[in-house]
């Protein structure tokens, strides 16, 4: 998907995936805030990002998550913005 979506060569994709693997954290938060009313799945995602003190939450959800832009110190961005930040 990354190759097709971003026109990357295999080596570029491997490098980004290796970087992400070294930064991944798995969480199951005890408390789920009700930030997006009636949307428990997205609220759980937000709770994980906040609990992990993530710098970014990368999503393609243009309806609920991306419009928030930032929540409790976590930047909410699409994949293109995030990948550009890795190059900086």
PDB file of N, CA and C in Angstrom:
ATOM      1  N   UNK A   1       0.814  -1.191   0.000  1.00  0.00           N
ATOM      2  CA  UNK A   1       0.000   0.000   0.000  1.00  0.00           C
ATOM      3  C   UNK A   1       0.862   1.261   0.000  1.00  0.00           C
ATOM      4  N   UNK A   2       1.933   1.288   0.810  1.00  0.00           N
ATOM      5  CA  UNK A   2       2.786   2.468   0.831  1.00  0.00           C
ATOM      6  C   UNK A   2       3.471   2.678  -0.506  1.00  0.00           C
ATOM      7  N   UNK A   3       3.876   1.594  -1.142  1.00  0.00           N
ATOM      8  CA  UNK A   3       4.524   1.728  -2.444  1.00  0.00           C
ATOM      9  C   UNK A   3       3.566   2.359  -3.445  1.00  0.00           C
ATOM     10  N   UNK A   4       2.365   1.838  -3.502  1.00  0.00           N
ATOM     11  CA  UNK A   4       1.372   2.326  -4.465  1.00  0.00           C
ATOM     12  C   UNK A   4       0.883   3.728  -4.098  1.00  0.00           C
ATOM     13  N   UNK A   5       0.550   3.927  -2.819  1.00  0.00           N
ATOM     14  CA  UNK A   5      -0.020   5.200  -2.383  1.00  0.00           C
ATOM     15  C   UNK A   5       0.940   6.368  -2.459  1.00  0.00           C
ATOM     16  N   UNK A   6       2.237   6.101  -2.250  1.00  0.00           N
ATOM     17  CA  UNK A   6       3.211   7.183  -2.216  1.00  0.00           C
ATOM     18  C   UNK A   6       4.265   7.080  -3.310  1.00  0.00           C
ATOM     19  N   UNK A   7       4.161   6.049  -4.155  1.00  0.00           N
ATOM     20  CA  UNK A   7       5.117   5.888  -5.238  1.00  0.00           C
ATOM     21  C   UNK A   7       6.520   5.579  -4.743  1.00  0.00           C
ATOM     22  N   UNK A   8       6.631   4.851  -3.640  1.00  0.00           N
ATOM     23  CA  UNK A   8       7.932   4.556  -3.046  1.00  0.00           C
ATOM     24  C   UNK A   8       8.552   3.323  -3.658  1.00  0.00           C
ATOM     25  N   UNK A   9       9.856   3.304  -3.612  1.00  0.00           N
ATOM     26  CA  UNK A   9      10.637   2.118  -3.931  1.00  0.00           C
ATOM     27  C   UNK A   9      10.598   1.201  -2.709  1.00  0.00           C
ATOM     28  N   UNK A  10      10.890  -0.088  -2.910  1.00  0.00           N
ATOM     29  CA  UNK A  10      10.883  -1.045  -1.807  1.00  0.00           C
ATOM     30  C   UNK A  10      11.786  -0.653  -0.657  1.00  0.00           C
ATOM     31  N   UNK A  11      12.970  -0.099  -0.966  1.00  0.00           N
ATOM     32  CA  UNK A  11      13.915   0.297   0.071  1.00  0.00           C
ATOM     33  C   UNK A  11      13.395   1.425   0.947  1.00  0.00           C
ATOM     34  N   UNK A  12      12.718   2.383   0.343  1.00  0.00           N
ATOM     35  CA  UNK A  12      12.130   3.478   1.115  1.00  0.00           C
ATOM     36  C   UNK A  12      11.088   2.941   2.081  1.00  0.00           C
ATOM     37  N   UNK A  13      10.237   2.065   1.579  1.00  0.00           N
ATOM     38  CA  UNK A  13       9.183   1.501   2.403  1.00  0.00           C
ATOM     39  C   UNK A  13       9.785   0.704   3.560  1.00  0.00           C
ATOM     40  N   UNK A  14      10.798  -0.091   3.288  1.00  0.00           N
ATOM     41  CA  UNK A  14      11.444  -0.884   4.336  1.00  0.00           C
ATOM     42  C   UNK A  14      12.022   0.006   5.428  1.00  0.00           C
ATOM     43  N   UNK A  15      12.619   1.120   5.028  1.00  0.00           N
ATOM     44  CA  UNK A  15      13.201   2.039   6.002  1.00  0.00           C
ATOM     45  C   UNK A  15      12.158   2.665   6.909  1.00  0.00           C
ATOM     46  N   UNK A  16      11.055   3.099   6.332  1.00  0.00           N
ATOM     47  CA  UNK A  16       9.990   3.702   7.129  1.00  0.00           C
ATOM     48  C   UNK A  16       9.375   2.667   8.064  1.00  0.00           C
ATOM     49  N   UNK A  17       9.109   1.467   7.561  1.00  0.00           N
ATOM     50  CA  UNK A  17       8.522   0.424   8.404  1.00  0.00           C
ATOM     51  C   UNK A  17       9.455   0.034   9.544  1.00  0.00           C
ATOM     52  N   UNK A  18      10.762  -0.004   9.298  1.00  0.00           N
ATOM     53  CA  UNK A  18      11.728  -0.312  10.364  1.00  0.00           C
ATOM     54  C   UNK A  18      11.701   0.782  11.426  1.00  0.00           C
ATOM     55  N   UNK A  19      11.615   2.026  11.002  1.00  0.00           N
ATOM     56  CA  UNK A  19      11.534   3.147  11.943  1.00  0.00           C
ATOM     57  C   UNK A  19      10.282   3.031  12.797  1.00  0.00           C
ATOM     58  N   UNK A  20       9.159   2.728  12.172  1.00  0.00           N
ATOM     59  CA  UNK A  20       7.902   2.612  12.914  1.00  0.00           C
ATOM     60  C   UNK A  20       7.942   1.445  13.897  1.00  0.00           C
ATOM     61  N   UNK A  21       8.495   0.320  13.490  1.00  0.00           N
ATOM     62  CA  UNK A  21       8.553  -0.853  14.381  1.00  0.00           C
ATOM     63  C   UNK A  21       9.320  -0.545  15.663  1.00  0.00           C
ATOM     64  N   UNK A  22      10.321   0.310  15.571  1.00  0.00           N
ATOM     65  CA  UNK A  22      11.111   0.670  16.751  1.00  0.00           C
ATOM     66  C   UNK A  22      10.388   1.662  17.660  1.00  0.00           C
ATOM     67  N   UNK A  23       9.276   2.196  17.203  1.00  0.00           N
ATOM     68  CA  UNK A  23       8.569   3.226  17.966  1.00  0.00           C
ATOM     69  C   UNK A  23       7.154   2.821  18.355  1.00  0.00           C
ATOM     70  N   UNK A  24       6.754   1.603  18.118  1.00  0.00           N
ATOM     71  CA  UNK A  24       5.383   1.170  18.362  1.00  0.00           C
ATOM     72  C   UNK A  24       5.200   0.787  19.828  1.00  0.00           C
ATOM     73  N   UNK A  25       4.062   1.189  20.393  1.00  0.00           N
ATOM     74  CA  UNK A  25       3.688   0.832  21.749  1.00  0.00           C
ATOM     75  C   UNK A  25       2.268   0.279  21.728  1.00  0.00           C
ATOM     76  N   UNK A  26       2.043  -0.841  22.409  1.00  0.00           N
ATOM     77  CA  UNK A  26       0.706  -1.426  22.499  1.00  0.00           C
ATOM     78  C   UNK A  26       0.124  -1.117  23.867  1.00  0.00           C
ATOM     79  N   UNK A  27      -1.121  -0.616  23.881  1.00  0.00           N
ATOM     80  CA  UNK A  27      -1.763  -0.211  25.131  1.00  0.00           C
ATOM     81  C   UNK A  27      -3.204  -0.696  25.188  1.00  0.00           C
ATOM     82  N   UNK A  28      -3.711  -0.811  26.406  1.00  0.00           N
ATOM     83  CA  UNK A  28      -5.122  -1.074  26.646  1.00  0.00           C
ATOM     84  C   UNK A  28      -5.535  -0.153  27.787  1.00  0.00           C
ATOM     85  N   UNK A  29      -5.918   1.080  27.483  1.00  0.00           N
ATOM     86  CA  UNK A  29      -6.183   2.065  28.534  1.00  0.00           C
ATOM     87  C   UNK A  29      -7.363   1.663  29.411  1.00  0.00           C
ATOM     88  N   UNK A  30      -7.240   1.991  30.703  1.00  0.00           N
ATOM     89  CA  UNK A  30      -8.304   1.701  31.665  1.00  0.00           C
ATOM     90  C   UNK A  30      -9.465   2.677  31.534  1.00  0.00           C
ATOM     91  N   UNK A  31      -9.164   3.913  31.209  1.00  0.00           N
ATOM     92  CA  UNK A  31     -10.181   4.964  31.145  1.00  0.00           C
ATOM     93  C   UNK A  31     -10.302   5.465  29.715  1.00  0.00           C
ATOM     94  N   UNK A  32     -11.518   5.444  29.191  1.00  0.00           N
ATOM     95  CA  UNK A  32     -11.772   5.907  27.831  1.00  0.00           C
ATOM     96  C   UNK A  32     -12.614   7.191  27.910  1.00  0.00           C
ATOM     97  N   UNK A  33     -12.031   8.340  27.577  1.00  0.00           N
ATOM     98  CA  UNK A  33     -12.812   9.579  27.627  1.00  0.00           C
ATOM     99  C   UNK A  33     -13.846   9.620  26.505  1.00  0.00           C
ATOM    100  N   UNK A  34     -14.894  10.385  26.718  1.00  0.00           N
ATOM    101  CA  UNK A  34     -15.933  10.536  25.697  1.00  0.00           C
ATOM    102  C   UNK A  34     -15.708  11.854  24.961  1.00  0.00           C
ATOM    103  N   UNK A  35     -14.717  11.851  24.085  1.00  0.00           N
ATOM    104  CA  UNK A  35     -14.378  13.054  23.332  1.00  0.00           C
ATOM    105  C   UNK A  35     -15.285  13.178  22.110  1.00  0.00           C
ATOM    106  N   UNK A  36     -15.494  12.057  21.426  1.00  0.00           N
ATOM    107  CA  UNK A  36     -16.382  12.030  20.272  1.00  0.00           C
ATOM    108  C   UNK A  36     -17.633  11.270  20.710  1.00  0.00           C
ATOM    109  N   UNK A  37     -18.713  11.980  20.918  1.00  0.00           N
ATOM    110  CA  UNK A  37     -19.934  11.390  21.455  1.00  0.00           C
ATOM    111  C   UNK A  37     -20.442  10.238  20.588  1.00  0.00           C
ATOM    112  N   UNK A  38     -20.705   9.106  21.237  1.00  0.00           N
ATOM    113  CA  UNK A  38     -21.272   7.952  20.556  1.00  0.00           C
ATOM    114  C   UNK A  38     -20.307   7.187  19.675  1.00  0.00           C
ATOM    115  N   UNK A  39     -19.007   7.442  19.814  1.00  0.00           N
ATOM    116  CA  UNK A  39     -18.024   6.784  18.955  1.00  0.00           C
ATOM    117  C   UNK A  39     -16.936   6.155  19.831  1.00  0.00           C
ATOM    118  N   UNK A  40     -17.275   5.024  20.447  1.00  0.00           N
ATOM    119  CA  UNK A  40     -16.362   4.390  21.388  1.00  0.00           C
ATOM    120  C   UNK A  40     -15.048   3.961  20.736  1.00  0.00           C
ATOM    121  N   UNK A  41     -15.110   3.490  19.498  1.00  0.00           N
ATOM    122  CA  UNK A  41     -13.889   3.021  18.828  1.00  0.00           C
ATOM    123  C   UNK A  41     -12.882   4.159  18.666  1.00  0.00           C
ATOM    124  N   UNK A  42     -13.325   5.315  18.183  1.00  0.00           N
ATOM    125  CA  UNK A  42     -12.405   6.440  18.022  1.00  0.00           C
ATOM    126  C   UNK A  42     -11.960   6.986  19.366  1.00  0.00           C
ATOM    127  N   UNK A  43     -12.841   6.991  20.358  1.00  0.00           N
ATOM    128  CA  UNK A  43     -12.447   7.426  21.696  1.00  0.00           C
ATOM    129  C   UNK A  43     -11.367   6.525  22.273  1.00  0.00           C
ATOM    130  N   UNK A  44     -11.442   5.224  21.991  1.00  0.00           N
ATOM    131  CA  UNK A  44     -10.415   4.284  22.466  1.00  0.00           C
ATOM    132  C   UNK A  44      -9.076   4.597  21.787  1.00  0.00           C
ATOM    133  N   UNK A  45      -9.107   4.902  20.507  1.00  0.00           N
ATOM    134  CA  UNK A  45      -7.878   5.266  19.784  1.00  0.00           C
ATOM    135  C   UNK A  45      -7.267   6.523  20.386  1.00  0.00           C
ATOM    136  N   UNK A  46      -8.104   7.525  20.646  1.00  0.00           N
ATOM    137  CA  UNK A  46      -7.607   8.756  21.264  1.00  0.00           C
ATOM    138  C   UNK A  46      -7.013   8.479  22.644  1.00  0.00           C
ATOM    139  N   UNK A  47      -7.682   7.625  23.427  1.00  0.00           N
ATOM    140  CA  UNK A  47      -7.187   7.296  24.762  1.00  0.00           C
ATOM    141  C   UNK A  47      -5.822   6.623  24.694  1.00  0.00           C
ATOM    142  N   UNK A  48      -5.640   5.726  23.743  1.00  0.00           N
ATOM    143  CA  UNK A  48      -4.340   5.058  23.582  1.00  0.00           C
ATOM    144  C   UNK A  48      -3.261   6.057  23.223  1.00  0.00           C
ATOM    145  N   UNK A  49      -3.562   6.958  22.306  1.00  0.00           N
ATOM    146  CA  UNK A  49      -2.569   7.954  21.893  1.00  0.00           C
ATOM    147  C   UNK A  49      -2.169   8.848  23.062  1.00  0.00           C
ATOM    148  N   UNK A  50      -3.159   9.267  23.860  1.00  0.00           N
ATOM    149  CA  UNK A  50      -2.874  10.127  25.011  1.00  0.00           C
ATOM    150  C   UNK A  50      -2.098   9.356  26.072  1.00  0.00           C
ATOM    151  N   UNK A  51      -2.530   8.135  26.385  1.00  0.00           N
ATOM    152  CA  UNK A  51      -1.842   7.337  27.410  1.00  0.00           C
ATOM    153  C   UNK A  51      -0.392   7.051  27.032  1.00  0.00           C
ATOM    154  N   UNK A  52      -0.142   6.889  25.736  1.00  0.00           N
ATOM    155  CA  UNK A  52       1.217   6.619  25.269  1.00  0.00           C
ATOM    156  C   UNK A  52       2.054   7.888  25.176  1.00  0.00           C
ATOM    157  N   UNK A  53       1.445   9.034  25.448  1.00  0.00           N
ATOM    158  CA  UNK A  53       2.123  10.325  25.259  1.00  0.00           C
ATOM    159  C   UNK A  53       2.678  10.416  23.845  1.00  0.00           C
ATOM    160  N   UNK A  54       1.873   9.973  22.885  1.00  0.00           N
ATOM    161  CA  UNK A  54       2.292   9.966  21.478  1.00  0.00           C
ATOM    162  C   UNK A  54       2.483  11.388  20.972  1.00  0.00           C
ATOM    163  N   UNK A  55       3.426  11.529  20.078  1.00  0.00           N
ATOM    164  CA  UNK A  55       3.594  12.808  19.413  1.00  0.00           C
ATOM    165  C   UNK A  55       2.544  12.964  18.321  1.00  0.00           C
ATOM    166  N   UNK A  56       2.224  11.842  17.648  1.00  0.00           N
ATOM    167  CA  UNK A  56       1.291  11.858  16.527  1.00  0.00           C
ATOM    168  C   UNK A  56       0.280  10.727  16.634  1.00  0.00           C
ATOM    169  N   UNK A  57      -0.921  10.980  16.140  1.00  0.00           N
ATOM    170  CA  UNK A  57      -1.912   9.958  15.846  1.00  0.00           C
ATOM    171  C   UNK A  57      -2.141  10.066  14.345  1.00  0.00           C
ATOM    172  N   UNK A  58      -1.791   9.019  13.618  1.00  0.00           N
ATOM    173  CA  UNK A  58      -1.891   9.031  12.159  1.00  0.00           C
ATOM    174  C   UNK A  58      -3.186   8.336  11.762  1.00  0.00           C
ATOM    175  N   UNK A  59      -4.014   9.024  11.001  1.00  0.00           N
ATOM    176  CA  UNK A  59      -5.328   8.502  10.644  1.00  0.00           C
ATOM    177  C   UNK A  59      -5.777   9.036   9.290  1.00  0.00           C
ATOM    178  N   UNK A  60      -6.686   8.317   8.694  1.00  0.00           N
ATOM    179  CA  UNK A  60      -7.331   8.783   7.473  1.00  0.00           C
ATOM    180  C   UNK A  60      -8.768   9.205   7.747  1.00  0.00           C
ATOM    181  N   UNK A  61      -9.163   9.209   9.021  1.00  0.00           N
ATOM    182  CA  UNK A  61     -10.538   9.534   9.415  1.00  0.00           C
ATOM    183  C   UNK A  61     -10.778  11.039   9.324  1.00  0.00           C
ATOM    184  N   UNK A  62     -11.329  11.460   8.195  1.00  0.00           N
ATOM    185  CA  UNK A  62     -11.574  12.886   7.963  1.00  0.00           C
ATOM    186  C   UNK A  62     -12.846  13.386   8.653  1.00  0.00           C
ATOM    187  N   UNK A  63     -13.677  12.456   9.073  1.00  0.00           N
ATOM    188  CA  UNK A  63     -14.958  12.864   9.665  1.00  0.00           C
ATOM    189  C   UNK A  63     -14.816  13.248  11.142  1.00  0.00           C
ATOM    190  N   UNK A  64     -14.131  12.414  11.917  1.00  0.00           N
ATOM    191  CA  UNK A  64     -14.080  12.633  13.365  1.00  0.00           C
ATOM    192  C   UNK A  64     -12.699  13.015  13.896  1.00  0.00           C
ATOM    193  N   UNK A  65     -11.668  12.290  13.481  1.00  0.00           N
ATOM    194  CA  UNK A  65     -10.364  12.476  14.123  1.00  0.00           C
ATOM    195  C   UNK A  65      -9.554  13.637  13.559  1.00  0.00           C
ATOM    196  N   UNK A  66      -9.379  13.689  12.253  1.00  0.00           N
ATOM    197  CA  UNK A  66      -8.545  14.755  11.681  1.00  0.00           C
ATOM    198  C   UNK A  66      -9.035  16.165  12.037  1.00  0.00           C
ATOM    199  N   UNK A  67     -10.351  16.419  12.081  1.00  0.00           N
ATOM    200  CA  UNK A  67     -10.783  17.770  12.453  1.00  0.00           C
ATOM    201  C   UNK A  67     -10.370  18.198  13.864  1.00  0.00           C
ATOM    202  N   UNK A  68     -10.067  17.241  14.737  1.00  0.00           N
ATOM    203  CA  UNK A  68      -9.630  17.598  16.089  1.00  0.00           C
ATOM    204  C   UNK A  68      -8.255  18.267  16.082  1.00  0.00           C
ATOM    205  N   UNK A  69      -7.409  17.911  15.126  1.00  0.00           N
ATOM    206  CA  UNK A  69      -6.061  18.446  14.933  1.00  0.00           C
ATOM    207  C   UNK A  69      -5.083  18.128  16.063  1.00  0.00           C
ATOM    208  N   UNK A  70      -5.494  18.267  17.298  1.00  0.00           N
ATOM    209  CA  UNK A  70      -4.623  18.006  18.449  1.00  0.00           C
ATOM    210  C   UNK A  70      -5.519  17.697  19.640  1.00  0.00           C
ATOM    211  N   UNK A  71      -5.086  16.721  20.429  1.00  0.00           N
ATOM    212  CA  UNK A  71      -5.820  16.392  21.648  1.00  0.00           C
ATOM    213  C   UNK A  71      -4.809  16.074  22.741  1.00  0.00           C
ATOM    214  N   UNK A  72      -4.845  16.814  23.811  1.00  0.00           N
ATOM    215  CA  UNK A  72      -3.966  16.601  24.966  1.00  0.00           C
ATOM    216  C   UNK A  72      -2.513  16.392  24.545  1.00  0.00           C
ATOM    217  N   UNK A  73      -2.017  17.245  23.671  1.00  0.00           N
ATOM    218  CA  UNK A  73      -0.626  17.203  23.250  1.00  0.00           C
ATOM    219  C   UNK A  73      -0.315  16.269  22.097  1.00  0.00           C
ATOM    220  N   UNK A  74      -1.304  15.526  21.603  1.00  0.00           N
ATOM    221  CA  UNK A  74      -1.095  14.589  20.500  1.00  0.00           C
ATOM    222  C   UNK A  74      -1.574  15.242  19.207  1.00  0.00           C
ATOM    223  N   UNK A  75      -0.664  15.373  18.239  1.00  0.00           N
ATOM    224  CA  UNK A  75      -1.051  15.914  16.922  1.00  0.00           C
ATOM    225  C   UNK A  75      -1.767  14.835  16.131  1.00  0.00           C
ATOM    226  N   UNK A  76      -2.894  15.168  15.529  1.00  0.00           N
ATOM    227  CA  UNK A  76      -3.671  14.225  14.726  1.00  0.00           C
ATOM    228  C   UNK A  76      -3.492  14.628  13.270  1.00  0.00           C
ATOM    229  N   UNK A  77      -2.848  13.738  12.501  1.00  0.00           N
ATOM    230  CA  UNK A  77      -2.482  14.060  11.119  1.00  0.00           C
ATOM    231  C   UNK A  77      -2.778  12.872  10.205  1.00  0.00           C
ATOM    232  N   UNK A  78      -2.777  13.158   8.905  1.00  0.00           N
ATOM    233  CA  UNK A  78      -2.907  12.068   7.932  1.00  0.00           C
ATOM    234  C   UNK A  78      -1.514  11.498   7.634  1.00  0.00           C
ATOM    235  N   UNK A  79      -1.482  10.409   6.889  1.00  0.00           N
ATOM    236  CA  UNK A  79      -0.220   9.713   6.634  1.00  0.00           C
ATOM    237  C   UNK A  79       0.792  10.589   5.917  1.00  0.00           C
ATOM    238  N   UNK A  80       0.342  11.372   4.949  1.00  0.00           N
ATOM    239  CA  UNK A  80       1.276  12.210   4.185  1.00  0.00           C
ATOM    240  C   UNK A  80       1.972  13.225   5.090  1.00  0.00           C
ATOM    241  N   UNK A  81       1.227  13.874   5.965  1.00  0.00           N
ATOM    242  CA  UNK A  81       1.827  14.853   6.882  1.00  0.00           C
ATOM    243  C   UNK A  81       2.821  14.151   7.805  1.00  0.00           C
ATOM    244  N   UNK A  82       2.437  12.990   8.337  1.00  0.00           N
ATOM    245  CA  UNK A  82       3.332  12.262   9.228  1.00  0.00           C
ATOM    246  C   UNK A  82       4.615  11.841   8.516  1.00  0.00           C
ATOM    247  N   UNK A  83       4.487  11.279   7.340  1.00  0.00           N
ATOM    248  CA  UNK A  83       5.679  10.817   6.614  1.00  0.00           C
ATOM    249  C   UNK A  83       6.580  11.980   6.252  1.00  0.00           C
ATOM    250  N   UNK A  84       6.019  13.114   5.919  1.00  0.00           N
ATOM    251  CA  UNK A  84       6.830  14.300   5.667  1.00  0.00           C
ATOM    252  C   UNK A  84       7.576  14.735   6.928  1.00  0.00           C
ATOM    253  N   UNK A  85       6.963  14.564   8.093  1.00  0.00           N
ATOM    254  CA  UNK A  85       7.622  14.952   9.345  1.00  0.00           C
ATOM    255  C   UNK A  85       8.814  14.042   9.636  1.00  0.00           C
ATOM    256  N   UNK A  86       8.784  12.795   9.162  1.00  0.00           N
ATOM    257  CA  UNK A  86       9.909  11.894   9.369  1.00  0.00           C
ATOM    258  C   UNK A  86      11.128  12.317   8.557  1.00  0.00           C
ATOM    259  N   UNK A  87      10.885  12.952   7.424  1.00  0.00           N
ATOM    260  CA  UNK A  87      11.979  13.401   6.573  1.00  0.00           C
ATOM    261  C   UNK A  87      12.631  14.663   7.095  1.00  0.00           C
ATOM    262  N   UNK A  88      11.927  15.404   7.930  1.00  0.00           N
ATOM    263  CA  UNK A  88      12.440  16.686   8.433  1.00  0.00           C
ATOM    264  C   UNK A  88      13.528  16.503   9.459  1.00  0.00           C
TER     265      UNK A  88
END
